[in-house]
Amino acid sequence: MSLVLWNRTGNDGMIAEVVLNRPEVRNVFNTEMATQLLEAFKTLAETDVRVVVLTSSKSKAFCSGAD
């Protein structure tokens, strides 16, 4: 399961949405999530994306800490 999801949006694809995806534990960070988040940002940095929106999957908390 991917702990970080991302996609490009908008008419020109210059907006990216990055989603923390561990709703079962209120999106707490762990090493794997941090690694996937870094990879997502590195990938997006190599594109023409101008805006990144960081959000979370459906959970009661955006991010409730770290494991």
C-alpha atoms as a PDB file:
ATOM      1  CA  MET A   1       0.000   0.000   0.000  1.00  0.00           C
ATOM      2  CA  SER A   2       1.262   3.428  -0.884  1.00  0.00           C
ATOM      3  CA  LEU A   3       1.500   5.663   2.177  1.00  0.00           C
ATOM      4  CA  VAL A   4       1.829   8.803   0.056  1.00  0.00           C
ATOM      5  CA  LEU A   5      -0.310   9.429  -3.008  1.00  0.00           C
ATOM      6  CA  TRP A   6       0.079  12.283  -5.457  1.00  0.00           C
ATOM      7  CA  ASN A   7      -1.414  13.538  -8.676  1.00  0.00           C
ATOM      8  CA  ARG A   8      -1.249  16.596 -10.878  1.00  0.00           C
ATOM      9  CA  THR A   9      -4.370  18.682 -11.245  1.00  0.00           C
ATOM     10  CA  GLY A  10      -5.594  21.876 -12.818  1.00  0.00           C
ATOM     11  CA  ASN A  11      -6.064  22.730 -16.473  1.00  0.00           C
ATOM     12  CA  ASP A  12      -2.342  22.867 -17.139  1.00  0.00           C
ATOM     13  CA  GLY A  13      -1.197  20.245 -14.611  1.00  0.00           C
ATOM     14  CA  MET A  14       0.875  22.789 -12.696  1.00  0.00           C
ATOM     15  CA  ILE A  15      -0.756  21.971  -9.371  1.00  0.00           C
ATOM     16  CA  ALA A  16       0.073  18.794  -7.482  1.00  0.00           C
ATOM     17  CA  GLU A  17      -1.818  17.261  -4.599  1.00  0.00           C
ATOM     18  CA  VAL A  18       0.230  15.110  -2.216  1.00  0.00           C
ATOM     19  CA  VAL A  19      -1.833  12.990   0.182  1.00  0.00           C
ATOM     20  CA  LEU A  20      -0.727  11.330   3.419  1.00  0.00           C
ATOM     21  CA  ASN A  21      -2.436   7.938   3.264  1.00  0.00           C
ATOM     22  CA  ARG A  22      -2.485   6.147   6.631  1.00  0.00           C
ATOM     23  CA  PRO A  23      -6.019   6.912   7.839  1.00  0.00           C
ATOM     24  CA  GLU A  24      -6.179   3.829  10.055  1.00  0.00           C
ATOM     25  CA  VAL A  25      -3.562   5.432  12.360  1.00  0.00           C
ATOM     26  CA  ARG A  26      -4.506   9.086  11.780  1.00  0.00           C
ATOM     27  CA  ASN A  27      -1.712   9.551   9.229  1.00  0.00           C
ATOM     28  CA  VAL A  28       1.181   9.291  11.678  1.00  0.00           C
ATOM     29  CA  PHE A  29       4.612   9.443  10.074  1.00  0.00           C
ATOM     30  CA  ASN A  30       6.900   6.453  10.011  1.00  0.00           C
ATOM     31  CA  THR A  31      10.139   5.868   8.127  1.00  0.00           C
ATOM     32  CA  GLU A  32       8.409   4.406   5.067  1.00  0.00           C
ATOM     33  CA  MET A  33       5.983   7.337   4.803  1.00  0.00           C
ATOM     34  CA  ALA A  34       8.813   9.859   5.140  1.00  0.00           C
ATOM     35  CA  THR A  35      10.760   8.071   2.394  1.00  0.00           C
ATOM     36  CA  GLN A  36       7.736   8.002   0.076  1.00  0.00           C
ATOM     37  CA  LEU A  37       7.024  11.684   0.773  1.00  0.00           C
ATOM     38  CA  LEU A  38      10.606  12.627  -0.080  1.00  0.00           C
ATOM     39  CA  GLU A  39      10.420  10.622  -3.319  1.00  0.00           C
ATOM     40  CA  ALA A  40       7.156  12.328  -4.280  1.00  0.00           C
ATOM     41  CA  PHE A  41       8.681  15.772  -3.706  1.00  0.00           C
ATOM     42  CA  LYS A  42      11.834  14.837  -5.652  1.00  0.00           C
ATOM     43  CA  THR A  43       9.737  13.613  -8.573  1.00  0.00           C
ATOM     44  CA  LEU A  44       7.582  16.743  -8.555  1.00  0.00           C
ATOM     45  CA  ALA A  45      10.661  18.981  -8.356  1.00  0.00           C
ATOM     46  CA  GLU A  46      11.729  17.636 -11.746  1.00  0.00           C
ATOM     47  CA  THR A  47       8.468  18.761 -13.369  1.00  0.00           C
ATOM     48  CA  ASP A  48       6.870  22.096 -14.196  1.00  0.00           C
ATOM     49  CA  VAL A  49       4.574  21.934 -11.128  1.00  0.00           C
ATOM     50  CA  ARG A  50       4.256  25.361  -9.506  1.00  0.00           C
ATOM     51  CA  VAL A  51       2.056  24.578  -6.480  1.00  0.00           C
ATOM     52  CA  VAL A  52       2.003  21.583  -4.138  1.00  0.00           C
ATOM     53  CA  VAL A  53      -0.954  21.059  -1.808  1.00  0.00           C
ATOM     54  CA  LEU A  54      -0.177  18.723   1.080  1.00  0.00           C
ATOM     55  CA  THR A  55      -3.275  17.071   2.502  1.00  0.00           C
ATOM     56  CA  SER A  56      -4.329  13.835   4.167  1.00  0.00           C
ATOM     57  CA  SER A  57      -6.661  10.980   3.470  1.00  0.00           C
ATOM     58  CA  LYS A  58      -9.966  10.777   5.257  1.00  0.00           C
ATOM     59  CA  SER A  59      -9.042  10.680   8.899  1.00  0.00           C
ATOM     60  CA  LYS A  60      -9.884  12.520  12.094  1.00  0.00           C
ATOM     61  CA  ALA A  61      -6.449  14.185  11.994  1.00  0.00           C
ATOM     62  CA  PHE A  62      -4.187  15.653   9.324  1.00  0.00           C
ATOM     63  CA  CYS A  63      -1.137  14.012  10.906  1.00  0.00           C
ATOM     64  CA  SER A  64      -1.091  13.035  14.550  1.00  0.00           C
ATOM     65  CA  GLY A  65       2.642  12.557  15.079  1.00  0.00           C
ATOM     66  CA  ALA A  66       5.183   9.856  14.375  1.00  0.00           C
ATOM     67  CA  ASP A  67       5.676   6.173  15.123  1.00  0.00           C
END
